[in-house]
Amino acid sequence: MPAGHTVTGSWNGTLTVSGQTVTIRNVAHNGTLAPGASTTSVGFQATRPSGNTALPSGYTCA
């Protein structure tokens, strides 16, 4: 996440922030999926300093 941005909310996951890295891990209700099952969406909301148009980048799934 770009410098100066602040996480203000999240859904369907346990969120941690370390420096500029945001990590979302599964929670009990979406931790295990059967083969061929749909995934549950996860995400977060953030605010940014006035005038800062930088966007988050470098998404990975593990």
C-alpha atoms as a PDB file:
ATOM      1  CA  MET A   1       0.000   0.000   0.000  1.00  0.00           C
ATOM      2  CA  PRO A   2       1.407   3.440  -0.803  1.00  0.00           C
ATOM      3  CA  ALA A   3       3.005   5.469   1.980  1.00  0.00           C
ATOM      4  CA  GLY A   4       0.562   7.606   3.931  1.00  0.00           C
ATOM      5  CA  HIS A   5      -2.465   5.409   3.212  1.00  0.00           C
ATOM      6  CA  THR A   6      -4.461   4.033   6.167  1.00  0.00           C
ATOM      7  CA  VAL A   7      -6.638   0.916   6.245  1.00  0.00           C
ATOM      8  CA  THR A   8     -10.153   1.869   7.393  1.00  0.00           C
ATOM      9  CA  GLY A   9     -12.053  -1.414   6.980  1.00  0.00           C
ATOM     10  CA  SER A  10     -11.955  -4.986   5.706  1.00  0.00           C
ATOM     11  CA  TRP A  11     -14.272  -7.918   5.046  1.00  0.00           C
ATOM     12  CA  ASN A  12     -14.134 -11.737   5.106  1.00  0.00           C
ATOM     13  CA  GLY A  13     -10.610 -11.948   6.466  1.00  0.00           C
ATOM     14  CA  THR A  14      -8.239 -11.162   9.284  1.00  0.00           C
ATOM     15  CA  LEU A  15      -6.168  -8.179   8.280  1.00  0.00           C
ATOM     16  CA  THR A  16      -2.669  -7.206   9.399  1.00  0.00           C
ATOM     17  CA  VAL A  17      -0.540  -4.298   8.242  1.00  0.00           C
ATOM     18  CA  SER A  18       3.254  -4.262   8.436  1.00  0.00           C
ATOM     19  CA  GLY A  19       4.780  -1.119   6.982  1.00  0.00           C
ATOM     20  CA  GLN A  20       3.279  -0.846   3.515  1.00  0.00           C
ATOM     21  CA  THR A  21       2.301  -4.542   3.280  1.00  0.00           C
ATOM     22  CA  VAL A  22      -1.318  -5.558   3.911  1.00  0.00           C
ATOM     23  CA  THR A  23      -2.005  -9.261   4.544  1.00  0.00           C
ATOM     24  CA  ILE A  24      -5.490 -10.780   4.614  1.00  0.00           C
ATOM     25  CA  ARG A  25      -5.849 -14.323   5.935  1.00  0.00           C
ATOM     26  CA  ASN A  26      -8.913 -16.529   5.925  1.00  0.00           C
ATOM     27  CA  VAL A  27     -11.412 -16.618   8.764  1.00  0.00           C
ATOM     28  CA  ALA A  28     -13.347 -19.683   9.971  1.00  0.00           C
ATOM     29  CA  HIS A  29     -16.317 -19.277   7.628  1.00  0.00           C
ATOM     30  CA  ASN A  30     -14.180 -19.207   4.455  1.00  0.00           C
ATOM     31  CA  GLY A  31     -11.093 -21.190   5.393  1.00  0.00           C
ATOM     32  CA  THR A  32     -11.829 -24.404   3.493  1.00  0.00           C
ATOM     33  CA  LEU A  33     -13.452 -24.794   0.075  1.00  0.00           C
ATOM     34  CA  ALA A  34     -14.573 -28.031  -1.528  1.00  0.00           C
ATOM     35  CA  PRO A  35     -13.171 -28.844  -4.993  1.00  0.00           C
ATOM     36  CA  GLY A  36     -14.974 -26.721  -7.590  1.00  0.00           C
ATOM     37  CA  ALA A  37     -16.569 -24.466  -4.949  1.00  0.00           C
ATOM     38  CA  SER A  38     -16.764 -20.719  -5.344  1.00  0.00           C
ATOM     39  CA  THR A  39     -14.381 -18.521  -3.429  1.00  0.00           C
ATOM     40  CA  THR A  40     -15.452 -15.931  -0.917  1.00  0.00           C
ATOM     41  CA  SER A  41     -14.380 -12.391  -1.724  1.00  0.00           C
ATOM     42  CA  VAL A  42     -12.049 -10.575   0.636  1.00  0.00           C
ATOM     43  CA  GLY A  43     -10.928  -7.007   0.599  1.00  0.00           C
ATOM     44  CA  PHE A  44     -10.091  -3.822   2.396  1.00  0.00           C
ATOM     45  CA  GLN A  45     -10.792  -0.112   2.233  1.00  0.00           C
ATOM     46  CA  ALA A  46      -8.192   2.568   2.719  1.00  0.00           C
ATOM     47  CA  THR A  47      -7.964   6.331   2.920  1.00  0.00           C
ATOM     48  CA  ARG A  48      -5.167   8.360   1.380  1.00  0.00           C
ATOM     49  CA  PRO A  49      -3.711  11.767   2.066  1.00  0.00           C
ATOM     50  CA  SER A  50      -5.374  14.659   0.250  1.00  0.00           C
ATOM     51  CA  GLY A  51      -4.017  14.955  -3.286  1.00  0.00           C
ATOM     52  CA  ASN A  52      -2.272  11.553  -3.197  1.00  0.00           C
ATOM     53  CA  THR A  53      -3.465   9.534  -6.207  1.00  0.00           C
ATOM     54  CA  ALA A  54      -1.157   6.524  -5.714  1.00  0.00           C
ATOM     55  CA  LEU A  55      -2.890   3.142  -5.901  1.00  0.00           C
ATOM     56  CA  PRO A  56      -2.046  -0.132  -4.119  1.00  0.00           C
ATOM     57  CA  SER A  57      -0.047  -2.588  -6.236  1.00  0.00           C
ATOM     58  CA  GLY A  58       1.795  -5.885  -6.056  1.00  0.00           C
ATOM     59  CA  TYR A  59      -1.094  -8.203  -5.233  1.00  0.00           C
ATOM     60  CA  THR A  60      -0.271 -11.856  -4.578  1.00  0.00           C
ATOM     61  CA  CYS A  61      -2.213 -14.929  -3.475  1.00  0.00           C
ATOM     62  CA  ALA A  62      -0.708 -17.700  -1.439  1.00  0.00           C
END
